Structure formats: C-alpha cells, structure tokens
C-alpha atoms as a PDB file:
ATOM      1  CA  MET A   1     152.320 -56.779 148.693  1.00  0.00           C
ATOM      2  CA  SER A   2     148.472 -58.298 148.626  1.00  0.00           C
ATOM      3  CA  GLN A   3     147.542 -61.564 150.938  1.00  0.00           C
ATOM      4  CA  ARG A   4     146.124 -64.750 149.251  1.00  0.00           C
ATOM      5  CA  ARG A   5     144.184 -66.937 151.142  1.00  0.00           C
ATOM      6  CA  HIS A   6     146.160 -70.047 149.514  1.00  0.00           C
ATOM      7  CA  ALA A   7     149.889 -68.585 148.188  1.00  0.00           C
ATOM      8  CA  LYS A   8     151.799 -71.866 147.290  1.00  0.00           C
ATOM      9  CA  VAL A   9     154.229 -70.211 145.256  1.00  0.00           C
ATOM     10  CA  SER A  10     156.583 -67.417 145.101  1.00  0.00           C
ATOM     11  CA  PRO A  11     155.463 -63.836 146.162  1.00  0.00           C
ATOM     12  CA  GLN A  12     156.847 -61.003 142.799  1.00  0.00           C
ATOM     13  CA  PRO A  13     160.197 -60.158 144.086  1.00  0.00           C
ATOM     14  CA  GLN A  14     160.805 -57.236 146.400  1.00  0.00           C
ATOM     15  CA  TRP A  15     163.470 -55.270 147.047  1.00  0.00           C
ATOM     16  CA  ALA A  16     165.854 -56.482 149.886  1.00  0.00           C
ATOM     17  CA  ALA A  17     168.807 -53.956 151.750  1.00  0.00           C
ATOM     18  CA  PRO A  18     172.659 -55.279 150.138  1.00  0.00           C
ATOM     19  CA  PRO A  19     174.299 -57.340 152.548  1.00  0.00           C
ATOM     20  CA  THR A  20     176.730 -53.991 153.457  1.00  0.00           C
ATOM     21  CA  ALA A  21     173.623 -52.431 154.953  1.00  0.00           C
ATOM     22  CA  LEU A  22     172.345 -55.652 156.696  1.00  0.00           C
ATOM     23  CA  ALA A  23     175.899 -55.718 158.600  1.00  0.00           C
ATOM     24  CA  LYS A  24     175.790 -51.385 159.079  1.00  0.00           C
ATOM     25  CA  ALA A  25     172.060 -52.149 160.730  1.00  0.00           C
ATOM     26  CA  ARG A  26     172.983 -54.732 163.066  1.00  0.00           C
ATOM     27  CA  THR A  27     176.156 -52.856 164.362  1.00  0.00           C
ATOM     28  CA  ALA A  28     173.798 -50.241 164.861  1.00  0.00           C
ATOM     29  CA  TRP A  29     170.926 -52.483 166.709  1.00  0.00           C
ATOM     30  CA  LEU A  30     174.170 -53.756 169.062  1.00  0.00           C
ATOM     31  CA  ALA A  31     174.667 -50.477 169.793  1.00  0.00           C
ATOM     32  CA  ALA A  32     171.072 -49.541 170.788  1.00  0.00           C
ATOM     33  CA  THR A  33     170.906 -52.780 172.656  1.00  0.00           C
ATOM     34  CA  VAL A  34     174.024 -51.776 174.751  1.00  0.00           C
ATOM     35  CA  ASP A  35     172.168 -48.424 175.834  1.00  0.00           C
ATOM     36  CA  VAL A  36     169.081 -49.856 176.667  1.00  0.00           C
ATOM     37  CA  LEU A  37     171.123 -52.793 178.827  1.00  0.00           C
ATOM     38  CA  HIS A  38     173.329 -49.644 180.662  1.00  0.00           C
ATOM     39  CA  GLN A  39     169.790 -48.690 182.177  1.00  0.00           C
ATOM     40  CA  ARG A  40     168.989 -52.343 183.473  1.00  0.00           C
ATOM     41  CA  ARG A  41     170.664 -52.038 186.961  1.00  0.00           C
ATOM     42  CA  PHE A  42     169.822 -55.764 187.699  1.00  0.00           C
ATOM     43  CA  VAL A  43     172.005 -56.366 184.249  1.00  0.00           C
ATOM     44  CA  ASN A  44     175.727 -57.067 185.809  1.00  0.00           C
ATOM     45  CA  ALA A  45     177.853 -57.722 181.806  1.00  0.00           C
ATOM     46  CA  ALA A  46     176.962 -58.479 178.641  1.00  0.00           C
ATOM     47  CA  TRP A  47     178.779 -60.261 175.888  1.00  0.00           C
ATOM     48  CA  LEU A  48     178.919 -61.516 172.242  1.00  0.00           C
ATOM     49  CA  VAL A  49     179.944 -65.425 171.494  1.00  0.00           C
ATOM     50  CA  GLY A  50     179.797 -67.068 167.898  1.00  0.00           C
ATOM     51  CA  SER A  51     180.868 -65.377 165.271  1.00  0.00           C
ATOM     52  CA  LEU A  52     180.263 -62.120 166.020  1.00  0.00           C
ATOM     53  CA  GLY A  53     182.192 -62.812 169.402  1.00  0.00           C
ATOM     54  CA  GLN A  54     185.144 -64.263 167.701  1.00  0.00           C
ATOM     55  CA  GLY A  55     185.487 -61.487 165.299  1.00  0.00           C
ATOM     56  CA  ASN A  56     184.860 -63.314 161.833  1.00  0.00           C
ATOM     57  CA  ALA A  57     181.231 -62.770 161.215  1.00  0.00           C
ATOM     58  CA  ASP A  58     179.768 -61.929 157.491  1.00  0.00           C
ATOM     59  CA  PRO A  59     176.787 -60.092 156.943  1.00  0.00           C
ATOM     60  CA  TYR A  60     174.584 -62.825 157.162  1.00  0.00           C
ATOM     61  CA  SER A  61     175.780 -64.234 160.988  1.00  0.00           C
ATOM     62  CA  ASP A  62     172.997 -63.651 163.706  1.00  0.00           C
ATOM     63  CA  ILE A  63     173.949 -62.267 167.059  1.00  0.00           C
ATOM     64  CA  ASP A  64     174.807 -64.718 169.859  1.00  0.00           C
ATOM     65  CA  LEU A  65     174.121 -62.428 172.961  1.00  0.00           C
ATOM     66  CA  VAL A  66     174.783 -63.266 176.268  1.00  0.00           C
ATOM     67  CA  VAL A  67     173.513 -61.232 179.605  1.00  0.00           C
ATOM     68  CA  ALA A  68     174.503 -61.402 183.019  1.00  0.00           C
ATOM     69  CA  VAL A  69     172.007 -60.643 185.847  1.00  0.00           C
ATOM     70  CA  ASP A  70     171.806 -60.534 189.117  1.00  0.00           C
ATOM     71  CA  ASP A  71     169.486 -61.334 192.220  1.00  0.00           C
ATOM     72  CA  ALA A  72     166.907 -58.506 191.353  1.00  0.00           C
ATOM     73  CA  THR A  73     166.228 -59.604 188.521  1.00  0.00           C
ATOM     74  CA  PRO A  74     162.183 -59.588 188.228  1.00  0.00           C
ATOM     75  CA  PRO A  75     161.278 -62.882 188.043  1.00  0.00           C
ATOM     76  CA  SER A  76     159.221 -61.395 184.705  1.00  0.00           C
ATOM     77  CA  VAL A  77     162.707 -61.321 182.682  1.00  0.00           C
ATOM     78  CA  PHE A  78     163.167 -64.677 183.253  1.00  0.00           C
ATOM     79  CA  GLY A  79     160.105 -65.321 181.284  1.00  0.00           C
ATOM     80  CA  ASP A  80     160.669 -62.972 178.146  1.00  0.00           C
ATOM     81  CA  PRO A  81     164.298 -61.961 178.172  1.00  0.00           C
ATOM     82  CA  VAL A  82     163.081 -59.632 174.836  1.00  0.00           C
ATOM     83  CA  ALA A  83     160.239 -57.916 176.390  1.00  0.00           C
ATOM     84  CA  GLY A  84     161.916 -57.676 180.046  1.00  0.00           C
ATOM     85  CA  LEU A  85     164.951 -56.461 178.940  1.00  0.00           C
ATOM     86  CA  ARG A  86     162.965 -54.182 176.408  1.00  0.00           C
ATOM     87  CA  LEU A  87     165.639 -54.752 173.491  1.00  0.00           C
ATOM     88  CA  PRO A  88     165.698 -52.447 170.543  1.00  0.00           C
ATOM     89  CA  GLY A  89     163.830 -52.671 167.228  1.00  0.00           C
ATOM     90  CA  SER A  90     160.870 -54.400 165.433  1.00  0.00           C
ATOM     91  CA  VAL A  91     160.559 -58.201 166.520  1.00  0.00           C
ATOM     92  CA  LEU A  92     159.174 -60.293 163.623  1.00  0.00           C
ATOM     93  CA  PHE A  93     158.870 -63.201 166.342  1.00  0.00           C
ATOM     94  CA  THR A  94     160.024 -65.051 168.896  1.00  0.00           C
ATOM     95  CA  SER A  95     160.583 -69.045 169.739  1.00  0.00           C
ATOM     96  CA  GLY A  96     161.406 -70.369 172.719  1.00  0.00           C
ATOM     97  CA  LYS A  97     163.555 -73.554 173.388  1.00  0.00           C
ATOM     98  CA  PRO A  98     164.278 -73.919 176.965  1.00  0.00           C
ATOM     99  CA  ARG A  99     167.044 -76.828 176.900  1.00  0.00           C
ATOM    100  CA  ASN A 100     169.066 -73.977 175.940  1.00  0.00           C
ATOM    101  CA  ALA A 101     168.985 -71.967 179.123  1.00  0.00           C
ATOM    102  CA  PRO A 102     171.899 -71.490 181.546  1.00  0.00           C
ATOM    103  CA  ALA A 103     170.601 -73.365 184.937  1.00  0.00           C
ATOM    104  CA  ASP A 104     168.144 -70.592 186.749  1.00  0.00           C
ATOM    105  CA  GLY A 105     168.989 -68.187 183.839  1.00  0.00           C
ATOM    106  CA  GLY A 106     166.709 -67.583 180.916  1.00  0.00           C
ATOM    107  CA  TYR A 107     166.978 -68.561 176.543  1.00  0.00           C
ATOM    108  CA  LEU A 108     164.840 -66.984 174.109  1.00  0.00           C
ATOM    109  CA  THR A 109     165.305 -66.880 170.017  1.00  0.00           C
ATOM    110  CA  ALA A 110     164.278 -63.518 168.322  1.00  0.00           C
ATOM    111  CA  CYS A 111     164.266 -62.255 165.032  1.00  0.00           C
ATOM    112  CA  VAL A 112     164.663 -58.524 164.846  1.00  0.00           C
ATOM    113  CA  GLU A 113     163.911 -56.753 161.090  1.00  0.00           C
ATOM    114  CA  LEU A 114     166.612 -54.470 160.239  1.00  0.00           C
ATOM    115  CA  ALA A 115     167.372 -52.974 157.154  1.00  0.00           C
ATOM    116  CA  THR A 116     164.224 -54.483 156.162  1.00  0.00           C
ATOM    117  CA  LEU A 117     165.370 -58.575 156.432  1.00  0.00           C
ATOM    118  CA  PRO A 118     165.155 -60.677 159.334  1.00  0.00           C
ATOM    119  CA  VAL A 119     168.180 -61.278 161.586  1.00  0.00           C
ATOM    120  CA  LEU A 120     168.037 -63.696 163.886  1.00  0.00           C
ATOM    121  CA  VAL A 121     169.408 -63.239 168.085  1.00  0.00           C
ATOM    122  CA  ASP A 122     169.947 -65.942 170.251  1.00  0.00           C
ATOM    123  CA  LEU A 123     169.433 -64.508 173.437  1.00  0.00           C
ATOM    124  CA  TYR A 124     171.182 -66.070 176.874  1.00  0.00           C
ATOM    125  CA  LEU A 125     169.951 -64.588 180.190  1.00  0.00           C
ATOM    126  CA  TRP A 126     172.426 -66.163 182.910  1.00  0.00           C
ATOM    127  CA  PRO A 127     172.446 -65.805 186.381  1.00  0.00           C
ATOM    128  CA  LYS A 128     175.928 -63.325 187.821  1.00  0.00           C
ATOM    129  CA  ALA A 129     176.350 -66.321 189.949  1.00  0.00           C
ATOM    130  CA  THR A 130     177.659 -68.482 187.731  1.00  0.00           C
ATOM    131  CA  ALA A 131     178.404 -66.127 184.216  1.00  0.00           C
ATOM    132  CA  ALA A 132     182.306 -66.105 183.042  1.00  0.00           C
ATOM    133  CA  LEU A 133     183.458 -64.225 179.471  1.00  0.00           C
ATOM    134  CA  PRO A 134     183.885 -67.702 177.472  1.00  0.00           C
ATOM    135  CA  ALA A 135     187.102 -67.646 175.154  1.00  0.00           C
ATOM    136  CA  ASN A 136     185.544 -66.646 172.068  1.00  0.00           C
ATOM    137  CA  GLY A 137     183.519 -63.995 174.018  1.00  0.00           C
ATOM    138  CA  ARG A 138     183.488 -60.190 173.146  1.00  0.00           C
ATOM    139  CA  LEU A 139     182.740 -57.904 176.185  1.00  0.00           C
ATOM    140  CA  LEU A 140     180.168 -55.098 175.278  1.00  0.00           C
ATOM    141  CA  LEU A 141     179.420 -53.903 178.684  1.00  0.00           C
ATOM    142  CA  HIS A 142     180.135 -54.740 182.266  1.00  0.00           C
ATOM    143  CA  ARG A 143     179.475 -53.388 185.465  1.00  0.00           C
ATOM    144  CA  THR A 144     182.076 -53.283 188.435  1.00  0.00           C
ATOM    145  CA  PRO A 145     183.627 -55.950 188.758  1.00  0.00           C
ATOM    146  CA  PRO A 146     184.061 -57.054 185.444  1.00  0.00           C
ATOM    147  CA  PRO A 147     182.903 -60.788 184.822  1.00  0.00           C
ATOM    148  CA  PRO A 148     185.542 -63.171 185.664  1.00  0.00           C
ATOM    149  CA  ARG A 149     187.417 -65.343 182.283  1.00  0.00           C
ATOM    150  CA  THR A 150     187.478 -68.401 181.572  1.00  0.00           C
ATOM    151  CA  ASP A 151     189.357 -70.781 178.745  1.00  0.00           C
ATOM    152  CA  LEU A 152     186.130 -72.644 178.255  1.00  0.00           C
ATOM    153  CA  ALA A 153     184.987 -71.821 174.597  1.00  0.00           C
ATOM    154  CA  PHE A 154     180.937 -70.938 175.359  1.00  0.00           C
ATOM    155  CA  MET A 155     178.967 -73.865 174.050  1.00  0.00           C
ATOM    156  CA  GLN A 156     181.554 -75.863 176.922  1.00  0.00           C
ATOM    157  CA  LEU A 157     180.911 -73.037 179.943  1.00  0.00           C
ATOM    158  CA  LEU A 158     177.250 -73.700 178.846  1.00  0.00           C
ATOM    159  CA  ASP A 159     177.189 -77.650 178.716  1.00  0.00           C
ATOM    160  CA  ARG A 160     178.621 -76.914 182.562  1.00  0.00           C
ATOM    161  CA  HIS A 161     175.625 -74.649 183.485  1.00  0.00           C
ATOM    162  CA  ARG A 162     173.029 -75.861 181.431  1.00  0.00           C
ATOM    163  CA  THR A 163     169.248 -76.242 183.021  1.00  0.00           C
ATOM    164  CA  SER A 164     167.785 -79.577 184.163  1.00  0.00           C
ATOM    165  CA  ASP A 165     164.471 -78.747 181.870  1.00  0.00           C
ATOM    166  CA  THR A 166     165.204 -80.958 178.410  1.00  0.00           C
ATOM    167  CA  THR A 167     162.357 -79.471 176.459  1.00  0.00           C
ATOM    168  CA  GLY A 168     162.859 -78.101 172.826  1.00  0.00           C
ATOM    169  CA  ALA A 169     161.181 -76.678 170.185  1.00  0.00           C
ATOM    170  CA  ASP A 170     158.226 -77.592 168.417  1.00  0.00           C
ATOM    171  CA  PRO A 171     159.661 -78.146 165.006  1.00  0.00           C
ATOM    172  CA  ASN A 172     155.856 -77.647 163.299  1.00  0.00           C
ATOM    173  CA  HIS A 173     155.488 -74.105 164.589  1.00  0.00           C
ATOM    174  CA  PRO A 174     155.351 -71.918 162.381  1.00  0.00           C
ATOM    175  CA  THR A 175     158.454 -69.837 163.960  1.00  0.00           C
ATOM    176  CA  SER A 176     160.707 -72.927 163.523  1.00  0.00           C
ATOM    177  CA  VAL A 177     159.928 -73.050 160.185  1.00  0.00           C
ATOM    178  CA  LEU A 178     160.561 -69.510 159.984  1.00  0.00           C
ATOM    179  CA  LEU A 179     163.490 -69.894 161.952  1.00  0.00           C
ATOM    180  CA  LEU A 180     165.188 -72.972 160.049  1.00  0.00           C
ATOM    181  CA  VAL A 181     164.040 -71.551 156.214  1.00  0.00           C
ATOM    182  CA  GLN A 182     166.250 -68.090 157.600  1.00  0.00           C
ATOM    183  CA  LEU A 183     169.059 -70.307 158.652  1.00  0.00           C
ATOM    184  CA  ALA A 184     168.586 -72.464 154.975  1.00  0.00           C
ATOM    185  CA  ALA A 185     168.857 -68.826 153.355  1.00  0.00           C
ATOM    186  CA  LYS A 186     172.092 -68.086 155.179  1.00  0.00           C
ATOM    187  CA  TYR A 187     173.983 -70.846 154.557  1.00  0.00           C
ATOM    188  CA  LEU A 188     172.511 -70.983 151.086  1.00  0.00           C
ATOM    189  CA  ALA A 189     174.444 -67.097 150.532  1.00  0.00           C
ATOM    190  CA  ARG A 190     177.482 -68.424 152.017  1.00  0.00           C
ATOM    191  CA  GLY A 191     178.065 -71.722 149.814  1.00  0.00           C
ATOM    192  CA  ASP A 192     178.093 -73.487 152.779  1.00  0.00           C
ATOM    193  CA  GLN A 193     176.747 -76.812 151.736  1.00  0.00           C
ATOM    194  CA  PRO A 194     177.039 -79.171 154.491  1.00  0.00           C
ATOM    195  CA  ARG A 195     175.318 -76.755 156.906  1.00  0.00           C
ATOM    196  CA  HIS A 196     172.506 -76.296 154.216  1.00  0.00           C
ATOM    197  CA  ALA A 197     172.447 -79.803 153.686  1.00  0.00           C
ATOM    198  CA  ALA A 198     171.792 -80.436 157.742  1.00  0.00           C
ATOM    199  CA  ILE A 199     169.167 -77.559 157.830  1.00  0.00           C
ATOM    200  CA  THR A 200     166.890 -78.685 155.038  1.00  0.00           C
ATOM    201  CA  ARG A 201     167.236 -81.871 156.526  1.00  0.00           C
ATOM    202  CA  HIS A 202     165.562 -79.894 159.782  1.00  0.00           C
ATOM    203  CA  LEU A 203     162.476 -78.720 157.032  1.00  0.00           C
ATOM    204  CA  GLY A 204     162.346 -82.653 155.834  1.00  0.00           C
ATOM    205  CA  LEU A 205     163.647 -81.337 152.174  1.00  0.00           C
ATOM    206  CA  PRO A 206     166.275 -83.193 150.129  1.00  0.00           C
ATOM    207  CA  SER A 207     170.089 -82.377 150.380  1.00  0.00           C
ATOM    208  CA  GLY A 208     170.299 -78.445 147.931  1.00  0.00           C
ATOM    209  CA  ALA A 209     166.881 -77.088 148.159  1.00  0.00           C
ATOM    210  CA  ASP A 210     167.092 -73.862 146.436  1.00  0.00           C
ATOM    211  CA  THR A 211     165.756 -70.621 147.152  1.00  0.00           C
ATOM    212  CA  SER A 212     162.346 -71.308 144.887  1.00  0.00           C
ATOM    213  CA  THR A 213     161.863 -75.253 147.262  1.00  0.00           C
ATOM    214  CA  LEU A 214     162.718 -72.701 150.846  1.00  0.00           C
ATOM    215  CA  ARG A 215     159.753 -70.166 149.565  1.00  0.00           C
ATOM    216  CA  GLN A 216     157.373 -72.670 148.891  1.00  0.00           C
ATOM    217  CA  ILE A 217     157.706 -74.065 152.045  1.00  0.00           C
ATOM    218  CA  LEU A 218     156.409 -70.411 153.137  1.00  0.00           C
ATOM    219  CA  GLY A 219     153.403 -70.848 151.029  1.00  0.00           C
ATOM    220  CA  GLU A 220     153.458 -74.367 151.815  1.00  0.00           C
ATOM    221  CA  ARG A 221     153.505 -74.360 155.823  1.00  0.00           C
ATOM    222  CA  ILE A 222     152.563 -70.828 157.118  1.00  0.00           C
ATOM    223  CA  GLU A 223     149.200 -70.365 156.306  1.00  0.00           C
ATOM    224  CA  PRO A 224     149.057 -66.161 156.371  1.00  0.00           C
ATOM    225  CA  THR A 225     145.352 -65.742 157.229  1.00  0.00           C
ATOM    226  CA  ALA A 226     145.905 -68.108 160.565  1.00  0.00           C
ATOM    227  CA  HIS A 227     148.926 -66.517 161.474  1.00  0.00           C
ATOM    228  CA  ARG A 228     148.359 -62.692 160.728  1.00  0.00           C
ATOM    229  CA  THR A 229     150.970 -61.472 163.396  1.00  0.00           C
ATOM    230  CA  LEU A 230     153.650 -63.646 161.334  1.00  0.00           C
ATOM    231  CA  ARG A 231     152.657 -61.508 158.168  1.00  0.00           C
ATOM    232  CA  PRO A 232     155.245 -58.945 158.594  1.00  0.00           C
ATOM    233  CA  ALA A 233     158.026 -61.825 159.827  1.00  0.00           C
ATOM    234  CA  ILE A 234     157.111 -64.118 156.422  1.00  0.00           C
ATOM    235  CA  THR A 235     157.850 -60.744 153.992  1.00  0.00           C
ATOM    236  CA  ALA A 236     161.000 -60.284 155.351  1.00  0.00           C
ATOM    237  CA  ALA A 237     161.772 -64.307 154.517  1.00  0.00           C
ATOM    238  CA  HIS A 238     161.148 -63.537 151.106  1.00  0.00           C
ATOM    239  CA  ARG A 239     163.582 -60.352 151.131  1.00  0.00           C
ATOM    240  CA  LEU A 240     166.050 -62.881 152.394  1.00  0.00           C
ATOM    241  CA  LEU A 241     164.953 -65.057 150.114  1.00  0.00           C
ATOM    242  CA  ASP A 242     165.082 -62.837 147.174  1.00  0.00           C
ATOM    243  CA  LEU A 243     169.207 -60.906 148.444  1.00  0.00           C
ATOM    244  CA  VAL A 244     170.416 -64.509 148.893  1.00  0.00           C
ATOM    245  CA  ASP A 245     169.013 -65.417 144.938  1.00  0.00           C
ATOM    246  CA  THR A 246     171.232 -61.812 143.871  1.00  0.00           C
ATOM    247  CA  VAL A 247     173.863 -63.472 145.697  1.00  0.00           C
ATOM    248  CA  ILE A 248     173.828 -66.421 144.246  1.00  0.00           C
ATOM    249  CA  ASP A 249     173.763 -64.233 140.592  1.00  0.00           C
ATOM    250  CA  ASP A 250     176.278 -62.460 141.230  1.00  0.00           C
ATOM    251  CA  ALA A 251     178.454 -65.201 142.683  1.00  0.00           C
ATOM    252  CA  LEU A 252     177.834 -67.980 138.773  1.00  0.00           C
ATOM    253  CA  PRO A 253     180.526 -67.069 136.616  1.00  0.00           C
ATOM    254  CA  ARG A 254     179.210 -65.059 133.222  1.00  0.00           C
ATOM    255  CA  ASP A 255     179.367 -66.421 129.569  1.00  0.00           C
ATOM    256  CA  ASP A 256     181.839 -63.639 128.669  1.00  0.00           C
ATOM    257  CA  ALA A 257     184.065 -63.523 131.776  1.00  0.00           C
ATOM    258  CA  PRO A 258     187.688 -63.796 131.460  1.00  0.00           C
END
C-alpha cells in the first residue's frame, strides 16, 4: 500500500483474517509465550486474567497476562517487560502506564500482530513475594511450589498492591490513539455500545462514532512520515477496521431475509 504524506481518508480495503483465524493465532501465541517463560529461570509462574482467565473470551478479546518473578529478575526486565522476557511475535508498539503496575513490579501494554491483525497484551510483572492467583485467573505455568490462591478478583488484588507511581499514559501520544481506536473497533464488533461510547469519549469523539470516523482519526492524528516505526501498526489497525466492517455488514438484516 502506498504511503501518502497527508492522508486524511481511509486507504483501500485490505485483506483481514476472519475472527476464527485471529482466535487460533492468539492461542498459538500463548503457547509460544509459555515456552519462552519456562526458559526464564526468574519466572515463578504466569496466569491469565480478564476474559481469557474467566473462560468467556471471544475472538476480539485482548490478552491480560500476569507474570510472577523472583528476586533474581534483572532490573532491565522491569523497565521493559516485553523485551526483557523476550516474548514471541511481532510487536507493533508498546505503551507505558506506570500506575497500572503492582508495587515493585512492572506494567506495559504491547500490541502484537497476530494473523495480520493487532492484539493488545496487558503485561503485569508481579513480584513473587506478593503474587497470588486471583479468583478470575487461569494458571498457565508454575514452578514448585505453585502460587497461593486468593478469593479476590484481579483488580481487587491489584488495588491492594498497586504502585505509588500515579503516572498514566499520554492520551495524545500516537500509540495511545492506536490503542483507543483498536478498543473502539473491538466494542463495535461486539455491539457493546456503552463501552464503545466510553472509549470514543477518550478520543474526543461523539458517541456512536463508526469505522469511517475511526479511520479518519488515524489519518489526522498519526502522521506516517513523522512516525515511520508505527506504519505497520497503522496498517494493522486498518485491517482490524476492515474486519469490523465485515462483521457489522454480516449482522445487518437483509431485504430478502425471511
């Protein structure tokens, strides 16, 4: 696809994997991640939270991954958990939000490309001393002994052990725009209007913003020539919007429907 210096409109439609392919690619990524984490001797355990942890995920679900680490963890891993753990796959971008980290731990959102589409990974690096498997968690791996269990949900547990750093993400940074557009697209595909409206408010858009508006935001707020490293992420975001268009069209009633 050719790049235009001041693109303000949607590019031509691109091929996008169907939702089933995306779900299969996510499963494969998780399996590869477990293999990688097994090789890091400072990793004590890892588990999923969110919809994947609860067992009610759909093809559009993001990955919420908690990795418990011991005192031998190199400091560089806390600074960049994705690079430090050497997670697999193509990373399109990362976005920091320090206030989401547990105390003495780390946090990073990474966008990985799976089946040509962008998938967000919320990665929590949690010190072994305070780590516990929450009620809504699914254990992926552990060494002996396994992590203790708690009846608390993940966010309740995080609130008990949250870092004192209150720094959030820069809402105007191009990676924040990409992240929010992808979340808005996900909620459109699901037909989840309340959450879609909440995300579009963060983008300064009216409730009900459609894929055309989201494409326009990508063109207006992320200049490809100024952010060359984000070009693959922008392309992947457009593919996701292509998929959402297809999903929405397939859900619409047809004139010849019985």
